[in-house]
Protein backbone atom coordinates (compact mmCIF):
# COMPACT_ATOMS: atom_id res chain seq x y z
CA MET A 1 -10.21 -6.20 -17.86
CA ALA A 2 -7.52 -6.55 -15.50
CA SER A 3 -7.44 -8.58 -12.30
CA TYR A 4 -7.45 -6.73 -9.10
CA GLY A 5 -3.93 -8.08 -8.30
CA GLU A 6 -3.01 -6.71 -11.78
CA ALA A 7 -4.60 -3.28 -11.00
CA VAL A 8 -2.89 -3.10 -7.77
CA ARG A 9 0.73 -3.40 -9.20
CA ALA A 10 -0.17 -0.90 -12.07
CA LEU A 11 -1.16 1.59 -9.35
CA LEU A 12 2.01 0.95 -7.48
CA ARG A 13 4.08 1.29 -10.58
CA ALA A 14 2.26 4.75 -10.90
CA GLY A 15 3.56 5.88 -7.50
CA PHE A 16 0.71 4.88 -5.21
CA THR A 17 1.79 3.41 -1.86
CA HIS A 18 0.49 0.52 -0.48
CA ARG A 19 -1.04 2.60 2.19
CA ASP A 20 -3.02 4.79 -0.71
CA ILE A 21 -4.33 1.61 -2.16
CA ILE A 22 -5.93 0.38 1.23
CA ASP A 23 -7.34 3.56 1.85
CA LEU A 24 -9.03 3.90 -1.36
CA ALA A 25 -10.14 0.28 -1.03
CA LYS A 26 -11.77 0.84 2.40
CA LEU A 27 -13.41 4.38 1.25
CA ASP A 28 -14.43 3.35 -2.09
CA GLY A 29 -14.17 -0.30 -2.36
CA ARG A 30 -12.37 -2.75 -4.39
CA GLU A 31 -14.40 -1.67 -7.75
CA ALA A 32 -12.69 1.88 -7.31
CA VAL A 33 -9.16 0.32 -7.14
CA LEU A 34 -10.09 -1.94 -10.28
CA LYS A 35 -11.38 0.69 -12.07
CA LEU A 36 -8.22 2.95 -11.29
CA GLY A 37 -5.60 0.43 -11.85
CA THR A 38 -7.06 -0.64 -15.22
CA GLU A 39 -6.90 3.04 -16.33
CA ALA A 40 -3.19 3.14 -14.98
CA LEU A 41 -2.44 -0.17 -17.21
CA GLU A 42 -4.43 1.72 -20.32
CA ASP A 43 -1.94 4.54 -19.76
CA GLU A 44 1.25 2.14 -19.40
CA THR A 45 0.12 0.82 -22.72
CA ARG A 46 -0.10 4.19 -24.54
CA GLN A 47 3.23 5.11 -23.54
């Protein structure tokens, strides 16, 4: 499991903007950001 900061950095590398991440966190919570960021990290390691 990635930390929240690692998840945010992975989302930024995947093309999300800071605003996208803030909005996602407000609407769906930090857990959603963490889940999506962890998935982005997994995708990075597969490539």
